[in-house]
């Protein structure tokens, strides 16, 4: 409800909604405190190629055409 220019008082429903959102935000903060930090990929060596495998180390390839 607009009382005068720039001043607004929330209705009872709006106040309840705001309190519910504050409670959800508090719960989210608590959950995030127990989660590990997000992975930023810093320090990973993804630019380096995988090491070469020898034929003995490779797994045999499954021939799907032979199964059908």
C-alpha atoms as a PDB file:
ATOM      1  CA  UNK A   1       0.000   0.000   0.000  1.00  0.00           C
ATOM      2  CA  UNK A   2       1.500   3.298  -1.117  1.00  0.00           C
ATOM      3  CA  UNK A   3       1.305   5.857   1.693  1.00  0.00           C
ATOM      4  CA  UNK A   4       3.229   8.743   0.242  1.00  0.00           C
ATOM      5  CA  UNK A   5       5.721   9.132  -2.510  1.00  0.00           C
ATOM      6  CA  UNK A   6       8.439   6.485  -2.172  1.00  0.00           C
ATOM      7  CA  UNK A   7       7.074   4.912   1.049  1.00  0.00           C
ATOM      8  CA  UNK A   8       5.441   1.515   0.856  1.00  0.00           C
ATOM      9  CA  UNK A   9       4.209  -0.779   3.609  1.00  0.00           C
ATOM     10  CA  UNK A  10       3.818  -4.424   2.664  1.00  0.00           C
ATOM     11  CA  UNK A  11       0.499  -6.126   3.204  1.00  0.00           C
ATOM     12  CA  UNK A  12       0.237  -8.985   5.691  1.00  0.00           C
ATOM     13  CA  UNK A  13       0.493 -11.517   2.847  1.00  0.00           C
ATOM     14  CA  UNK A  14       3.591  -9.805   1.446  1.00  0.00           C
ATOM     15  CA  UNK A  15       5.177  -9.764   4.902  1.00  0.00           C
ATOM     16  CA  UNK A  16       4.501 -13.517   5.261  1.00  0.00           C
ATOM     17  CA  UNK A  17       5.991 -14.157   1.830  1.00  0.00           C
ATOM     18  CA  UNK A  18       9.072 -12.110   2.693  1.00  0.00           C
ATOM     19  CA  UNK A  19       9.563 -14.019   5.957  1.00  0.00           C
ATOM     20  CA  UNK A  20       9.199 -17.348   4.133  1.00  0.00           C
ATOM     21  CA  UNK A  21      11.843 -16.277   1.596  1.00  0.00           C
ATOM     22  CA  UNK A  22      14.201 -15.187   4.376  1.00  0.00           C
ATOM     23  CA  UNK A  23      13.789 -18.611   6.018  1.00  0.00           C
ATOM     24  CA  UNK A  24      14.494 -20.379   2.716  1.00  0.00           C
ATOM     25  CA  UNK A  25      17.607 -18.250   2.262  1.00  0.00           C
ATOM     26  CA  UNK A  26      18.808 -19.158   5.770  1.00  0.00           C
ATOM     27  CA  UNK A  27      18.289 -22.854   5.033  1.00  0.00           C
ATOM     28  CA  UNK A  28      20.150 -22.552   1.724  1.00  0.00           C
ATOM     29  CA  UNK A  29      23.094 -20.883   3.456  1.00  0.00           C
ATOM     30  CA  UNK A  30      23.243 -23.710   6.013  1.00  0.00           C
ATOM     31  CA  UNK A  31      23.195 -26.368   3.276  1.00  0.00           C
ATOM     32  CA  UNK A  32      25.908 -24.590   1.311  1.00  0.00           C
ATOM     33  CA  UNK A  33      28.127 -24.396   4.393  1.00  0.00           C
ATOM     34  CA  UNK A  34      28.324 -28.209   4.401  1.00  0.00           C
ATOM     35  CA  UNK A  35      29.043 -28.576   0.666  1.00  0.00           C
ATOM     36  CA  UNK A  36      32.541 -28.662  -0.784  1.00  0.00           C
ATOM     37  CA  UNK A  37      33.766 -25.605  -2.638  1.00  0.00           C
ATOM     38  CA  UNK A  38      32.848 -25.570  -6.340  1.00  0.00           C
ATOM     39  CA  UNK A  39      35.411 -26.932  -8.768  1.00  0.00           C
ATOM     40  CA  UNK A  40      36.963 -24.118 -10.787  1.00  0.00           C
ATOM     41  CA  UNK A  41      39.313 -26.343 -12.822  1.00  0.00           C
ATOM     42  CA  UNK A  42      42.247 -24.198 -11.660  1.00  0.00           C
ATOM     43  CA  UNK A  43      45.462 -26.137 -11.509  1.00  0.00           C
ATOM     44  CA  UNK A  44      44.207 -28.969 -13.690  1.00  0.00           C
ATOM     45  CA  UNK A  45      46.411 -30.128 -16.513  1.00  0.00           C
ATOM     46  CA  UNK A  46      43.679 -30.580 -19.085  1.00  0.00           C
ATOM     47  CA  UNK A  47      45.812 -29.073 -21.827  1.00  0.00           C
ATOM     48  CA  UNK A  48      48.215 -32.027 -21.681  1.00  0.00           C
ATOM     49  CA  UNK A  49      47.390 -35.034 -23.864  1.00  0.00           C
ATOM     50  CA  UNK A  50      46.652 -38.425 -22.361  1.00  0.00           C
ATOM     51  CA  UNK A  51      49.618 -40.791 -22.179  1.00  0.00           C
ATOM     52  CA  UNK A  52      49.950 -43.204 -25.107  1.00  0.00           C
ATOM     53  CA  UNK A  53      48.839 -46.776 -24.514  1.00  0.00           C
ATOM     54  CA  UNK A  54      50.560 -49.838 -25.830  1.00  0.00           C
ATOM     55  CA  UNK A  55      48.540 -52.489 -27.626  1.00  0.00           C
ATOM     56  CA  UNK A  56      48.861 -54.786 -24.606  1.00  0.00           C
ATOM     57  CA  UNK A  57      47.267 -52.193 -22.322  1.00  0.00           C
ATOM     58  CA  UNK A  58      44.256 -51.546 -24.543  1.00  0.00           C
ATOM     59  CA  UNK A  59      40.993 -53.297 -23.893  1.00  0.00           C
ATOM     60  CA  UNK A  60      39.562 -55.278 -26.779  1.00  0.00           C
ATOM     61  CA  UNK A  61      36.938 -53.335 -28.700  1.00  0.00           C
ATOM     62  CA  UNK A  62      33.437 -54.751 -28.720  1.00  0.00           C
ATOM     63  CA  UNK A  63      32.279 -55.481 -32.236  1.00  0.00           C
ATOM     64  CA  UNK A  64      28.608 -54.503 -32.204  1.00  0.00           C
ATOM     65  CA  UNK A  65      28.048 -55.535 -35.815  1.00  0.00           C
ATOM     66  CA  UNK A  66      29.018 -59.103 -35.025  1.00  0.00           C
ATOM     67  CA  UNK A  67      26.369 -59.236 -32.271  1.00  0.00           C
ATOM     68  CA  UNK A  68      23.446 -58.224 -34.473  1.00  0.00           C
END
